[in-house]
N, C-alpha and C. Protein backbone atom coordinates (compact mmCIF):
# COMPACT_ATOMS: atom_id res chain seq x y z
N MET A 1 0.84 -1.17 0.00
CA MET A 1 0.00 0.00 0.00
C MET A 1 0.89 1.24 0.00
N LYS A 2 0.59 2.21 -0.87
CA LYS A 2 1.35 3.45 -0.93
C LYS A 2 0.82 4.46 0.08
N PRO A 3 1.73 5.20 0.72
CA PRO A 3 1.26 6.22 1.66
C PRO A 3 0.59 7.37 0.91
N VAL A 4 -0.37 8.00 1.56
CA VAL A 4 -1.09 9.12 0.97
C VAL A 4 -0.54 10.40 1.57
N GLY A 5 -0.32 11.41 0.73
CA GLY A 5 0.15 12.70 1.23
C GLY A 5 1.64 12.87 1.00
N LEU A 6 2.18 13.90 1.61
CA LEU A 6 3.58 14.25 1.45
C LEU A 6 4.46 13.56 2.48
N THR A 7 5.71 13.34 2.11
CA THR A 7 6.67 12.83 3.08
C THR A 7 7.08 13.97 4.01
N ARG A 8 7.78 13.66 5.07
CA ARG A 8 8.25 14.71 5.99
C ARG A 8 9.17 15.69 5.28
N ALA A 9 10.04 15.18 4.42
CA ALA A 9 10.96 16.04 3.68
C ALA A 9 10.20 16.97 2.73
N GLU A 10 9.18 16.45 2.06
CA GLU A 10 8.38 17.27 1.16
C GLU A 10 7.60 18.33 1.92
N GLU A 11 7.08 17.98 3.09
CA GLU A 11 6.37 18.94 3.91
C GLU A 11 7.30 20.06 4.38
N ALA A 12 8.51 19.70 4.79
CA ALA A 12 9.48 20.69 5.25
C ALA A 12 9.86 21.63 4.10
N LEU A 13 10.06 21.08 2.91
CA LEU A 13 10.41 21.90 1.75
C LEU A 13 9.27 22.85 1.41
N GLN A 14 8.05 22.38 1.46
CA GLN A 14 6.90 23.22 1.17
C GLN A 14 6.77 24.34 2.20
N GLU A 15 7.00 24.04 3.48
CA GLU A 15 6.93 25.06 4.52
C GLU A 15 8.01 26.12 4.32
N ARG A 16 9.22 25.68 3.94
CA ARG A 16 10.30 26.65 3.70
C ARG A 16 9.96 27.56 2.53
N ARG A 17 9.34 27.01 1.48
CA ARG A 17 8.95 27.83 0.34
C ARG A 17 7.91 28.87 0.74
N GLU A 18 6.98 28.47 1.59
CA GLU A 18 5.94 29.39 2.03
C GLU A 18 6.50 30.47 2.94
N GLU A 19 7.55 30.15 3.70
CA GLU A 19 8.13 31.11 4.62
C GLU A 19 8.94 32.18 3.89
N ARG A 20 9.51 31.82 2.75
CA ARG A 20 10.33 32.78 2.01
C ARG A 20 9.46 33.93 1.51
N VAL A 21 9.95 35.12 1.70
CA VAL A 21 9.25 36.29 1.22
C VAL A 21 10.05 36.83 0.04
N ARG A 22 9.37 37.01 -1.07
CA ARG A 22 10.06 37.54 -2.24
C ARG A 22 10.25 39.04 -2.08
N VAL A 23 11.45 39.47 -2.31
CA VAL A 23 11.78 40.88 -2.19
C VAL A 23 11.38 41.57 -3.49
N VAL A 24 10.70 42.68 -3.37
CA VAL A 24 10.26 43.44 -4.54
C VAL A 24 11.49 43.99 -5.23
N ALA A 25 11.50 43.86 -6.56
CA ALA A 25 12.63 44.35 -7.35
C ALA A 25 12.74 45.87 -7.20
N PRO A 26 13.97 46.37 -7.04
CA PRO A 26 14.13 47.82 -6.93
C PRO A 26 13.76 48.49 -8.25
N GLN A 27 13.43 49.76 -8.18
CA GLN A 27 13.04 50.49 -9.37
C GLN A 27 14.19 50.49 -10.38
N GLY A 28 13.87 50.21 -11.62
CA GLY A 28 14.87 50.17 -12.68
C GLY A 28 15.43 48.78 -12.93
N ALA A 29 15.20 47.85 -12.01
CA ALA A 29 15.70 46.48 -12.19
C ALA A 29 14.71 45.70 -13.05
N VAL A 30 15.22 44.68 -13.72
CA VAL A 30 14.38 43.81 -14.53
C VAL A 30 13.58 42.92 -13.58
N ARG A 31 12.27 42.88 -13.77
CA ARG A 31 11.40 42.06 -12.92
C ARG A 31 11.14 40.70 -13.53
N CYS A 32 10.87 39.75 -12.68
CA CYS A 32 10.49 38.40 -13.10
C CYS A 32 9.20 38.47 -13.89
N GLN A 33 9.17 37.78 -15.02
CA GLN A 33 7.97 37.79 -15.87
C GLN A 33 7.43 36.39 -16.12
N VAL A 34 7.91 35.41 -15.37
CA VAL A 34 7.46 34.03 -15.58
C VAL A 34 6.05 33.84 -15.04
N ASN A 35 5.74 34.40 -13.88
CA ASN A 35 4.41 34.31 -13.28
C ASN A 35 3.93 32.90 -13.07
N VAL A 36 4.76 32.06 -12.47
CA VAL A 36 4.34 30.73 -12.07
C VAL A 36 3.59 30.91 -10.76
N GLY A 37 2.35 30.50 -10.72
CA GLY A 37 1.54 30.72 -9.52
C GLY A 37 1.08 32.16 -9.47
N ASP A 38 1.26 32.82 -8.34
CA ASP A 38 0.87 34.22 -8.21
C ASP A 38 1.85 35.10 -8.96
N GLY A 39 1.43 36.31 -9.30
CA GLY A 39 2.31 37.25 -9.97
C GLY A 39 3.55 37.52 -9.13
N CYS A 40 4.70 37.50 -9.74
CA CYS A 40 5.96 37.65 -9.01
C CYS A 40 6.48 39.07 -9.18
N VAL A 41 6.99 39.62 -8.11
CA VAL A 41 7.51 40.99 -8.14
C VAL A 41 9.01 41.02 -7.87
N ALA A 42 9.66 39.86 -7.86
CA ALA A 42 11.08 39.78 -7.54
C ALA A 42 11.93 40.21 -8.74
N ALA A 43 13.16 40.54 -8.46
CA ALA A 43 14.10 40.90 -9.52
C ALA A 43 14.50 39.66 -10.30
N ALA A 44 14.64 39.81 -11.60
CA ALA A 44 15.03 38.70 -12.46
C ALA A 44 16.55 38.53 -12.42
N VAL A 45 16.99 37.31 -12.18
CA VAL A 45 18.42 37.00 -12.20
C VAL A 45 18.72 35.93 -13.23
N TYR A 46 17.67 35.34 -13.81
CA TYR A 46 17.82 34.31 -14.83
C TYR A 46 17.01 34.69 -16.06
N ARG A 47 17.35 34.06 -17.17
CA ARG A 47 16.60 34.20 -18.41
C ARG A 47 16.20 32.80 -18.84
N VAL A 48 14.90 32.56 -18.96
CA VAL A 48 14.38 31.27 -19.40
C VAL A 48 14.24 31.33 -20.92
N VAL A 49 14.87 30.38 -21.62
CA VAL A 49 14.79 30.33 -23.07
C VAL A 49 13.85 29.19 -23.44
N TRP A 50 12.74 29.54 -24.09
CA TRP A 50 11.71 28.58 -24.45
C TRP A 50 12.00 27.94 -25.80
N LYS A 51 11.31 26.86 -26.11
CA LYS A 51 11.51 26.14 -27.37
C LYS A 51 11.29 27.01 -28.60
N ASP A 52 10.37 27.97 -28.51
CA ASP A 52 10.07 28.83 -29.66
C ASP A 52 11.06 29.98 -29.80
N GLY A 53 12.08 30.03 -28.93
CA GLY A 53 13.11 31.07 -29.02
C GLY A 53 12.85 32.28 -28.15
N GLN A 54 11.68 32.37 -27.57
CA GLN A 54 11.36 33.50 -26.69
C GLN A 54 12.20 33.41 -25.42
N GLU A 55 12.58 34.56 -24.90
CA GLU A 55 13.33 34.63 -23.64
C GLU A 55 12.49 35.39 -22.62
N THR A 56 12.45 34.88 -21.39
CA THR A 56 11.66 35.49 -20.34
C THR A 56 12.52 35.68 -19.10
N PRO A 57 12.63 36.92 -18.59
CA PRO A 57 13.36 37.14 -17.34
C PRO A 57 12.65 36.43 -16.19
N ALA A 58 13.43 35.86 -15.27
CA ALA A 58 12.84 35.10 -14.16
C ALA A 58 13.70 35.22 -12.90
N CYS A 59 13.03 35.19 -11.76
CA CYS A 59 13.75 35.10 -10.49
C CYS A 59 14.15 33.63 -10.30
N ALA A 60 14.97 33.35 -9.31
CA ALA A 60 15.45 31.98 -9.09
C ALA A 60 14.31 31.02 -8.80
N ASP A 61 13.35 31.43 -7.96
CA ASP A 61 12.23 30.54 -7.60
C ASP A 61 11.36 30.22 -8.80
N CYS A 62 10.99 31.22 -9.57
CA CYS A 62 10.11 30.99 -10.73
C CYS A 62 10.82 30.19 -11.82
N ALA A 63 12.13 30.41 -12.00
CA ALA A 63 12.87 29.63 -13.00
C ALA A 63 12.89 28.16 -12.61
N LEU A 64 13.10 27.88 -11.33
CA LEU A 64 13.09 26.50 -10.85
C LEU A 64 11.71 25.87 -10.99
N GLN A 65 10.68 26.60 -10.60
CA GLN A 65 9.32 26.08 -10.72
C GLN A 65 8.93 25.83 -12.17
N ALA A 66 9.30 26.74 -13.05
CA ALA A 66 8.99 26.57 -14.48
C ALA A 66 9.70 25.34 -15.03
N ARG A 67 10.95 25.17 -14.65
CA ARG A 67 11.70 24.01 -15.13
C ARG A 67 11.07 22.71 -14.64
N GLN A 68 10.54 22.71 -13.41
CA GLN A 68 9.92 21.51 -12.86
C GLN A 68 8.54 21.26 -13.46
N GLN A 69 7.77 22.32 -13.68
CA GLN A 69 6.40 22.16 -14.15
C GLN A 69 6.27 22.06 -15.66
N LEU A 70 7.23 22.61 -16.40
CA LEU A 70 7.17 22.64 -17.86
C LEU A 70 8.46 22.12 -18.47
N PRO A 71 8.86 20.90 -18.16
CA PRO A 71 10.18 20.42 -18.58
C PRO A 71 10.38 20.35 -20.09
N GLY A 72 9.35 20.08 -20.87
CA GLY A 72 9.52 19.97 -22.31
C GLY A 72 9.48 21.28 -23.05
N ALA A 73 9.07 22.36 -22.37
CA ALA A 73 8.91 23.65 -23.04
C ALA A 73 10.15 24.53 -22.95
N ILE A 74 11.09 24.18 -22.09
CA ILE A 74 12.26 25.03 -21.84
C ILE A 74 13.51 24.42 -22.46
N ILE A 75 14.26 25.25 -23.19
CA ILE A 75 15.53 24.80 -23.75
C ILE A 75 16.63 24.91 -22.70
N ARG A 76 16.70 26.09 -22.07
CA ARG A 76 17.73 26.30 -21.04
C ARG A 76 17.35 27.47 -20.15
N VAL A 77 18.03 27.55 -19.02
CA VAL A 77 17.89 28.66 -18.09
C VAL A 77 19.28 29.25 -17.92
N GLU A 78 19.41 30.55 -18.25
CA GLU A 78 20.72 31.22 -18.21
C GLU A 78 20.74 32.27 -17.11
N LEU A 79 21.89 32.44 -16.52
CA LEU A 79 22.09 33.50 -15.54
C LEU A 79 22.24 34.81 -16.32
N ILE A 80 21.53 35.85 -15.88
CA ILE A 80 21.66 37.15 -16.53
C ILE A 80 22.93 37.79 -15.98
N THR A 81 23.89 38.03 -16.86
CA THR A 81 25.17 38.57 -16.42
C THR A 81 25.36 40.02 -16.79
N SER A 82 24.64 40.51 -17.78
CA SER A 82 24.81 41.91 -18.18
C SER A 82 23.56 42.70 -17.82
N VAL A 83 23.69 44.00 -17.86
CA VAL A 83 22.54 44.87 -17.61
C VAL A 83 21.66 44.80 -18.84
N ASP A 84 20.48 44.25 -18.67
CA ASP A 84 19.58 44.00 -19.78
C ASP A 84 18.17 44.39 -19.34
N LYS A 85 17.64 45.49 -19.85
CA LYS A 85 16.33 45.97 -19.42
C LYS A 85 15.28 45.63 -20.47
N ARG A 86 14.88 44.37 -20.49
CA ARG A 86 13.83 43.95 -21.45
C ARG A 86 12.49 44.14 -20.85
């Protein structure tokens, strides 16, 4: 018989995610535009490159969530290294 629900490790990870507060991006900074779940207001530190060639600025949390939830749609996730105001 398989257990129902989350394991202790999964519950702890979920609680840590809920405890984290996303810091609002400072004015002039590139904001996350992935919008996985609720609208994100964090500063973008990654660029998600989709199969169709589109690039979307993303914070670390949204880039990770997008990679987990949409594995076939993403080509790569790149660290934004230059000042890029898209």
